[in-house]
N, C-alpha and C. Protein backbone atom coordinates (compact mmCIF):
# COMPACT_ATOMS: atom_id res chain seq x y z
N MET A 1 -4.23 41.04 -14.22
CA MET A 1 -5.01 39.81 -14.22
C MET A 1 -4.31 38.79 -15.11
N THR A 2 -4.17 37.60 -14.62
CA THR A 2 -3.56 36.54 -15.41
C THR A 2 -4.59 35.92 -16.34
N VAL A 3 -4.11 35.10 -17.24
CA VAL A 3 -5.00 34.46 -18.22
C VAL A 3 -6.10 33.68 -17.53
N ASN A 4 -5.77 32.94 -16.48
CA ASN A 4 -6.77 32.13 -15.78
C ASN A 4 -7.46 32.86 -14.64
N GLY A 5 -7.08 34.08 -14.35
CA GLY A 5 -7.71 34.85 -13.29
C GLY A 5 -7.38 34.37 -11.89
N HIS A 6 -6.23 33.70 -11.69
CA HIS A 6 -5.89 33.15 -10.38
C HIS A 6 -4.93 34.02 -9.58
N ARG A 7 -4.46 35.07 -10.15
CA ARG A 7 -3.51 35.93 -9.45
C ARG A 7 -4.10 36.45 -8.15
N ASP A 8 -3.31 36.42 -7.09
CA ASP A 8 -3.68 36.94 -5.77
C ASP A 8 -4.83 36.18 -5.10
N ARG A 9 -5.11 34.97 -5.55
CA ARG A 9 -6.16 34.18 -4.90
C ARG A 9 -5.63 33.33 -3.76
N CYS A 10 -4.30 33.13 -3.72
CA CYS A 10 -3.68 32.31 -2.67
C CYS A 10 -2.46 33.04 -2.13
N ALA A 11 -2.15 32.77 -0.87
CA ALA A 11 -0.98 33.40 -0.25
C ALA A 11 -0.43 32.49 0.84
N ILE A 12 0.87 32.58 1.05
CA ILE A 12 1.48 31.93 2.22
C ILE A 12 1.33 32.95 3.34
N SER A 13 0.50 32.63 4.32
CA SER A 13 0.16 33.63 5.33
C SER A 13 0.77 33.38 6.70
N GLY A 14 1.43 32.25 6.88
CA GLY A 14 2.06 31.99 8.17
C GLY A 14 3.17 30.97 8.04
N ILE A 15 4.19 31.10 8.88
CA ILE A 15 5.27 30.12 8.90
C ILE A 15 5.53 29.73 10.35
N GLY A 16 6.06 28.52 10.53
CA GLY A 16 6.40 28.05 11.87
C GLY A 16 7.55 27.08 11.79
N ALA A 17 8.34 27.03 12.83
CA ALA A 17 9.47 26.11 12.91
C ALA A 17 9.72 25.78 14.37
N THR A 18 10.48 24.74 14.59
CA THR A 18 10.88 24.39 15.94
C THR A 18 12.29 24.90 16.18
N ARG A 19 12.71 24.85 17.42
CA ARG A 19 14.10 25.16 17.77
C ARG A 19 14.98 24.07 17.18
N PHE A 20 16.10 24.44 16.62
CA PHE A 20 17.02 23.47 16.05
C PHE A 20 17.93 22.95 17.14
N SER A 21 18.09 21.64 17.19
CA SER A 21 18.98 21.03 18.18
C SER A 21 19.51 19.72 17.61
N SER A 22 20.61 19.24 18.19
CA SER A 22 21.16 17.97 17.72
C SER A 22 20.42 16.78 18.31
N ASP A 23 19.73 16.98 19.43
CA ASP A 23 18.98 15.88 20.04
C ASP A 23 17.91 16.47 20.96
N SER A 24 16.73 16.72 20.42
CA SER A 24 15.66 17.34 21.19
C SER A 24 15.02 16.36 22.16
N GLY A 25 15.17 15.06 21.90
CA GLY A 25 14.52 14.07 22.74
C GLY A 25 13.03 13.95 22.48
N ARG A 26 12.56 14.57 21.40
CA ARG A 26 11.13 14.57 21.06
C ARG A 26 10.91 13.82 19.76
N SER A 27 9.70 13.35 19.57
CA SER A 27 9.36 12.66 18.32
C SER A 27 9.23 13.67 17.19
N THR A 28 9.41 13.18 15.98
CA THR A 28 9.25 14.03 14.81
C THR A 28 7.82 14.56 14.73
N LEU A 29 6.85 13.74 15.11
CA LEU A 29 5.45 14.18 15.11
C LEU A 29 5.23 15.34 16.08
N SER A 30 5.79 15.26 17.29
CA SER A 30 5.59 16.36 18.24
C SER A 30 6.23 17.65 17.73
N LEU A 31 7.37 17.53 17.04
CA LEU A 31 8.00 18.71 16.45
C LEU A 31 7.15 19.28 15.32
N ALA A 32 6.57 18.40 14.50
CA ALA A 32 5.71 18.85 13.41
C ALA A 32 4.47 19.56 13.94
N VAL A 33 3.91 19.05 15.03
CA VAL A 33 2.75 19.69 15.65
C VAL A 33 3.13 21.09 16.15
N GLU A 34 4.28 21.20 16.82
CA GLU A 34 4.73 22.50 17.32
C GLU A 34 4.90 23.50 16.17
N ALA A 35 5.54 23.08 15.09
CA ALA A 35 5.77 23.98 13.95
C ALA A 35 4.45 24.35 13.27
N ALA A 36 3.56 23.37 13.12
CA ALA A 36 2.26 23.64 12.48
C ALA A 36 1.44 24.63 13.30
N LEU A 37 1.41 24.44 14.61
CA LEU A 37 0.67 25.37 15.47
C LEU A 37 1.28 26.77 15.42
N ALA A 38 2.61 26.85 15.37
CA ALA A 38 3.27 28.16 15.26
C ALA A 38 2.90 28.84 13.94
N ALA A 39 2.83 28.07 12.86
CA ALA A 39 2.44 28.64 11.56
C ALA A 39 1.00 29.14 11.60
N MET A 40 0.13 28.38 12.26
CA MET A 40 -1.27 28.80 12.36
C MET A 40 -1.40 30.09 13.17
N VAL A 41 -0.68 30.17 14.29
CA VAL A 41 -0.70 31.39 15.11
C VAL A 41 -0.19 32.56 14.28
N ASP A 42 0.90 32.35 13.54
CA ASP A 42 1.47 33.41 12.71
C ASP A 42 0.47 33.89 11.67
N ALA A 43 -0.36 32.99 11.17
CA ALA A 43 -1.35 33.34 10.15
C ALA A 43 -2.67 33.82 10.75
N GLY A 44 -2.79 33.74 12.08
CA GLY A 44 -4.05 34.14 12.71
C GLY A 44 -5.15 33.10 12.52
N LEU A 45 -4.77 31.83 12.43
CA LEU A 45 -5.73 30.75 12.20
C LEU A 45 -5.81 29.81 13.40
N ARG A 46 -6.88 29.04 13.44
CA ARG A 46 -7.05 27.95 14.40
C ARG A 46 -6.97 26.63 13.64
N PRO A 47 -6.67 25.53 14.31
CA PRO A 47 -6.65 24.23 13.62
C PRO A 47 -7.95 23.94 12.87
N SER A 48 -9.07 24.37 13.40
CA SER A 48 -10.36 24.11 12.74
C SER A 48 -10.49 24.85 11.41
N ASP A 49 -9.63 25.82 11.14
CA ASP A 49 -9.65 26.55 9.87
C ASP A 49 -8.99 25.76 8.74
N VAL A 50 -8.13 24.80 9.10
CA VAL A 50 -7.35 24.05 8.11
C VAL A 50 -8.19 22.91 7.56
N ASP A 51 -8.31 22.85 6.23
CA ASP A 51 -9.05 21.75 5.61
C ASP A 51 -8.23 20.99 4.57
N GLY A 52 -6.92 21.27 4.52
CA GLY A 52 -6.04 20.55 3.61
C GLY A 52 -4.64 20.44 4.18
N ILE A 53 -3.95 19.33 3.85
CA ILE A 53 -2.56 19.12 4.28
C ILE A 53 -1.77 18.57 3.11
N VAL A 54 -0.56 19.08 2.94
CA VAL A 54 0.37 18.58 1.93
C VAL A 54 1.71 18.33 2.61
N ARG A 55 2.33 17.19 2.30
CA ARG A 55 3.60 16.81 2.92
C ARG A 55 4.58 16.31 1.87
N CYS A 56 5.82 16.09 2.27
CA CYS A 56 6.83 15.46 1.42
C CYS A 56 6.78 13.96 1.67
N ASP A 57 6.78 13.18 0.61
CA ASP A 57 6.67 11.73 0.79
C ASP A 57 7.92 11.08 1.36
N MET A 58 9.00 11.84 1.53
CA MET A 58 10.23 11.30 2.14
C MET A 58 10.29 11.55 3.64
N ASP A 59 9.36 12.32 4.17
CA ASP A 59 9.41 12.71 5.58
C ASP A 59 8.84 11.64 6.50
N ALA A 60 9.17 11.78 7.77
CA ALA A 60 8.80 10.79 8.78
C ALA A 60 7.37 10.94 9.29
N VAL A 61 6.73 12.06 9.04
CA VAL A 61 5.39 12.31 9.57
C VAL A 61 4.37 12.20 8.44
N ALA A 62 3.38 11.35 8.62
CA ALA A 62 2.29 11.21 7.63
C ALA A 62 1.24 12.28 7.88
N HIS A 63 0.57 12.72 6.82
CA HIS A 63 -0.43 13.79 6.96
C HIS A 63 -1.57 13.37 7.87
N ASN A 64 -1.99 12.11 7.83
CA ASN A 64 -3.09 11.70 8.69
C ASN A 64 -2.69 11.71 10.17
N ASP A 65 -1.42 11.40 10.48
CA ASP A 65 -0.94 11.47 11.86
C ASP A 65 -0.93 12.91 12.36
N LEU A 66 -0.46 13.83 11.52
CA LEU A 66 -0.44 15.24 11.91
C LEU A 66 -1.87 15.77 12.06
N ALA A 67 -2.74 15.41 11.15
CA ALA A 67 -4.14 15.85 11.23
C ALA A 67 -4.78 15.38 12.53
N GLU A 68 -4.54 14.13 12.89
CA GLU A 68 -5.10 13.59 14.13
C GLU A 68 -4.52 14.31 15.34
N ALA A 69 -3.20 14.52 15.36
CA ALA A 69 -2.55 15.18 16.49
C ALA A 69 -3.02 16.62 16.65
N LEU A 70 -3.31 17.29 15.54
CA LEU A 70 -3.78 18.68 15.58
C LEU A 70 -5.29 18.77 15.82
N GLY A 71 -5.98 17.66 15.68
CA GLY A 71 -7.43 17.66 15.83
C GLY A 71 -8.14 18.35 14.69
N LEU A 72 -7.61 18.16 13.46
CA LEU A 72 -8.23 18.80 12.29
C LEU A 72 -9.51 18.04 11.95
N PRO A 73 -10.65 18.70 12.10
CA PRO A 73 -11.92 18.00 11.98
C PRO A 73 -12.42 17.72 10.56
N GLU A 74 -12.10 18.57 9.63
CA GLU A 74 -12.72 18.48 8.31
C GLU A 74 -11.71 18.58 7.18
N LEU A 75 -10.82 17.61 7.06
CA LEU A 75 -9.89 17.63 5.94
C LEU A 75 -10.61 17.24 4.66
N THR A 76 -10.51 18.07 3.65
CA THR A 76 -11.11 17.77 2.36
C THR A 76 -10.05 17.52 1.29
N TYR A 77 -8.78 17.79 1.65
CA TYR A 77 -7.68 17.56 0.70
C TYR A 77 -6.42 17.16 1.46
N TRP A 78 -5.71 16.17 0.96
CA TRP A 78 -4.38 15.84 1.44
C TRP A 78 -3.59 15.32 0.26
N GLY A 79 -2.29 15.61 0.30
CA GLY A 79 -1.44 15.19 -0.80
C GLY A 79 0.00 15.06 -0.35
N SER A 80 0.79 14.42 -1.19
CA SER A 80 2.23 14.25 -0.94
C SER A 80 3.00 14.69 -2.17
N SER A 81 4.18 15.22 -1.93
CA SER A 81 5.06 15.62 -3.01
C SER A 81 6.46 15.15 -2.67
N GLY A 82 7.24 14.95 -3.67
CA GLY A 82 8.60 14.54 -3.39
C GLY A 82 9.32 14.27 -4.69
N PRO A 83 10.52 13.86 -4.60
CA PRO A 83 11.32 13.65 -3.41
C PRO A 83 12.17 14.85 -3.07
N GLY A 84 12.60 14.89 -1.84
CA GLY A 84 13.61 15.82 -1.34
C GLY A 84 13.53 17.25 -1.81
N GLY A 85 14.51 17.68 -2.58
CA GLY A 85 14.68 19.07 -2.97
C GLY A 85 13.55 19.67 -3.77
N VAL A 86 12.82 18.87 -4.52
CA VAL A 86 11.71 19.40 -5.31
C VAL A 86 10.42 19.46 -4.50
N ALA A 87 10.42 18.86 -3.32
CA ALA A 87 9.19 18.77 -2.53
C ALA A 87 8.56 20.11 -2.19
N PRO A 88 9.30 21.09 -1.67
CA PRO A 88 8.64 22.34 -1.28
C PRO A 88 7.87 23.01 -2.43
N GLY A 89 8.47 23.09 -3.61
CA GLY A 89 7.77 23.69 -4.74
C GLY A 89 6.54 22.89 -5.12
N GLY A 90 6.67 21.57 -5.12
CA GLY A 90 5.53 20.71 -5.43
C GLY A 90 4.43 20.81 -4.40
N MET A 91 4.82 20.93 -3.13
CA MET A 91 3.83 21.05 -2.06
C MET A 91 3.03 22.35 -2.19
N ILE A 92 3.73 23.44 -2.46
CA ILE A 92 3.03 24.72 -2.62
C ILE A 92 2.14 24.68 -3.87
N GLY A 93 2.64 24.07 -4.94
CA GLY A 93 1.82 23.91 -6.15
C GLY A 93 0.55 23.12 -5.88
N GLN A 94 0.68 22.04 -5.12
CA GLN A 94 -0.52 21.25 -4.76
C GLN A 94 -1.48 22.05 -3.90
N ALA A 95 -0.93 22.79 -2.94
CA ALA A 95 -1.78 23.60 -2.06
C ALA A 95 -2.56 24.63 -2.87
N VAL A 96 -1.87 25.31 -3.77
CA VAL A 96 -2.53 26.31 -4.63
C VAL A 96 -3.59 25.63 -5.48
N GLY A 97 -3.24 24.49 -6.08
CA GLY A 97 -4.21 23.76 -6.90
C GLY A 97 -5.44 23.36 -6.12
N ALA A 98 -5.25 22.91 -4.87
CA ALA A 98 -6.39 22.51 -4.03
C ALA A 98 -7.29 23.71 -3.73
N MET A 99 -6.68 24.87 -3.48
CA MET A 99 -7.48 26.04 -3.16
C MET A 99 -8.18 26.62 -4.39
N VAL A 100 -7.47 26.71 -5.50
CA VAL A 100 -8.06 27.26 -6.72
C VAL A 100 -9.18 26.37 -7.25
N SER A 101 -9.03 25.05 -7.08
CA SER A 101 -10.06 24.13 -7.56
C SER A 101 -11.24 24.00 -6.61
N GLY A 102 -11.12 24.58 -5.41
CA GLY A 102 -12.22 24.51 -4.45
C GLY A 102 -12.19 23.27 -3.57
N LYS A 103 -11.15 22.46 -3.67
CA LYS A 103 -11.06 21.27 -2.83
C LYS A 103 -10.73 21.62 -1.38
N ALA A 104 -10.10 22.75 -1.15
CA ALA A 104 -9.75 23.21 0.19
C ALA A 104 -9.67 24.73 0.19
N SER A 105 -9.81 25.33 1.36
CA SER A 105 -9.70 26.79 1.46
C SER A 105 -8.43 27.20 2.21
N THR A 106 -7.95 26.34 3.10
CA THR A 106 -6.75 26.64 3.88
C THR A 106 -5.92 25.37 3.97
N VAL A 107 -4.72 25.38 3.40
CA VAL A 107 -3.89 24.18 3.32
C VAL A 107 -2.60 24.38 4.12
N LEU A 108 -2.28 23.40 4.94
CA LEU A 108 -1.04 23.38 5.70
C LEU A 108 -0.03 22.55 4.92
N ALA A 109 1.07 23.17 4.51
CA ALA A 109 2.16 22.46 3.84
C ALA A 109 3.28 22.33 4.85
N PHE A 110 3.78 21.10 5.08
CA PHE A 110 4.78 20.92 6.12
C PHE A 110 5.84 19.91 5.73
N ARG A 111 6.99 20.04 6.36
CA ARG A 111 8.07 19.05 6.29
C ARG A 111 8.26 18.52 7.69
N GLY A 112 8.46 17.23 7.83
CA GLY A 112 8.68 16.61 9.13
C GLY A 112 9.96 15.80 9.10
N LEU A 113 11.09 16.45 9.35
CA LEU A 113 12.41 15.80 9.32
C LEU A 113 13.07 15.88 10.68
N THR A 114 13.84 14.88 11.01
CA THR A 114 14.68 14.98 12.19
C THR A 114 16.08 15.33 11.74
N GLY A 115 16.87 15.87 12.62
CA GLY A 115 18.24 16.26 12.29
C GLY A 115 19.07 15.10 11.78
N ILE A 116 18.84 13.93 12.32
CA ILE A 116 19.63 12.77 11.90
C ILE A 116 19.29 12.40 10.45
N LEU A 117 18.03 12.51 10.06
CA LEU A 117 17.65 12.21 8.68
C LEU A 117 18.25 13.24 7.74
N VAL A 118 18.22 14.49 8.14
CA VAL A 118 18.83 15.54 7.31
C VAL A 118 20.32 15.28 7.15
N ALA A 119 20.97 14.88 8.24
CA ALA A 119 22.41 14.60 8.18
C ALA A 119 22.71 13.44 7.23
N ILE A 120 21.89 12.41 7.28
CA ILE A 120 22.09 11.26 6.40
C ILE A 120 21.90 11.66 4.94
N ILE A 121 20.83 12.39 4.67
CA ILE A 121 20.54 12.80 3.30
C ILE A 121 21.63 13.73 2.78
N SER A 122 22.04 14.71 3.60
CA SER A 122 23.04 15.66 3.12
C SER A 122 24.41 15.01 2.98
N ARG A 123 24.72 14.05 3.81
CA ARG A 123 26.04 13.40 3.75
C ARG A 123 26.12 12.40 2.60
N PHE A 124 25.07 11.63 2.39
CA PHE A 124 25.13 10.55 1.42
C PHE A 124 24.25 10.75 0.20
N GLY A 125 23.48 11.83 0.18
CA GLY A 125 22.60 12.05 -0.96
C GLY A 125 21.48 11.03 -1.00
N VAL A 126 20.89 10.87 -2.15
CA VAL A 126 19.77 9.94 -2.26
C VAL A 126 20.25 8.50 -2.30
N ILE A 127 21.44 8.28 -2.78
CA ILE A 127 21.98 6.93 -2.83
C ILE A 127 23.11 6.85 -1.83
N GLY A 128 22.98 6.02 -0.84
CA GLY A 128 24.02 5.93 0.16
C GLY A 128 23.80 4.78 1.10
N ARG A 129 24.75 4.59 2.00
CA ARG A 129 24.66 3.51 2.96
C ARG A 129 25.23 4.02 4.27
N VAL A 130 24.48 3.84 5.33
CA VAL A 130 24.93 4.23 6.65
C VAL A 130 24.80 3.00 7.54
N SER A 131 25.84 2.70 8.28
CA SER A 131 25.77 1.56 9.19
C SER A 131 26.63 1.86 10.41
N GLY A 132 26.02 2.44 11.44
CA GLY A 132 26.74 2.72 12.67
C GLY A 132 27.78 3.81 12.58
N ARG A 133 27.73 4.69 11.58
CA ARG A 133 28.69 5.78 11.47
C ARG A 133 28.30 6.93 12.38
N THR A 134 29.24 7.75 12.72
CA THR A 134 28.97 8.91 13.55
C THR A 134 28.63 10.10 12.66
N LEU A 135 27.46 10.67 12.86
CA LEU A 135 27.03 11.86 12.14
C LEU A 135 26.49 12.87 13.15
N VAL A 136 26.74 14.11 12.96
CA VAL A 136 26.28 15.19 13.82
C VAL A 136 26.60 14.88 15.28
N GLY A 137 27.78 14.39 15.54
CA GLY A 137 28.24 14.18 16.90
C GLY A 137 27.60 13.03 17.65
N ARG A 138 26.89 12.15 16.99
CA ARG A 138 26.30 11.01 17.70
C ARG A 138 26.31 9.77 16.84
N ARG A 139 26.25 8.67 17.46
CA ARG A 139 26.27 7.40 16.77
C ARG A 139 24.87 7.01 16.33
N ILE A 140 24.73 6.57 15.09
CA ILE A 140 23.43 6.16 14.57
C ILE A 140 23.16 4.72 15.01
N PRO A 141 22.10 4.49 15.77
CA PRO A 141 21.83 3.15 16.30
C PRO A 141 21.04 2.27 15.34
N PHE A 142 20.93 2.66 14.10
CA PHE A 142 20.16 1.87 13.14
C PHE A 142 20.87 1.85 11.81
N ARG A 143 20.37 1.06 10.90
CA ARG A 143 20.95 0.97 9.57
C ARG A 143 20.00 1.59 8.55
N VAL A 144 20.55 2.30 7.62
CA VAL A 144 19.77 2.88 6.54
C VAL A 144 20.40 2.44 5.23
N PHE A 145 19.62 1.81 4.39
CA PHE A 145 20.08 1.42 3.07
C PHE A 145 19.13 2.03 2.06
N VAL A 146 19.64 2.88 1.21
CA VAL A 146 18.79 3.54 0.20
C VAL A 146 19.26 3.14 -1.17
């Protein structure tokens, strides 16, 4: 038993991911929905069981958009963590905090990135400039200034 009595009160019970591709032709939101549903199936849950969402504030998918797409009826907690590399630990910490405090009983923690965004971040880091360069075998049709 830990000092606060929180040991074994929370668990990561399901994971989900999409197929990795250089150009799926799908929106980041549709990919996030697919991964979230796969995680719920893996955990033996239905969307109606989820009452909390945590995301990375650098990602392309907002928690309210994912909640609407999944048809989550009763969100009692949502949060964002970031940036980048520290996000997963922060997201899990927020999810645990929401559950231990009673704000939520089942929290979906997700990342919503496209391959092109990952390529930009990994190539240029947090500070960089991309303008029509070729990354991951394709030309970027937009400009990113960070």
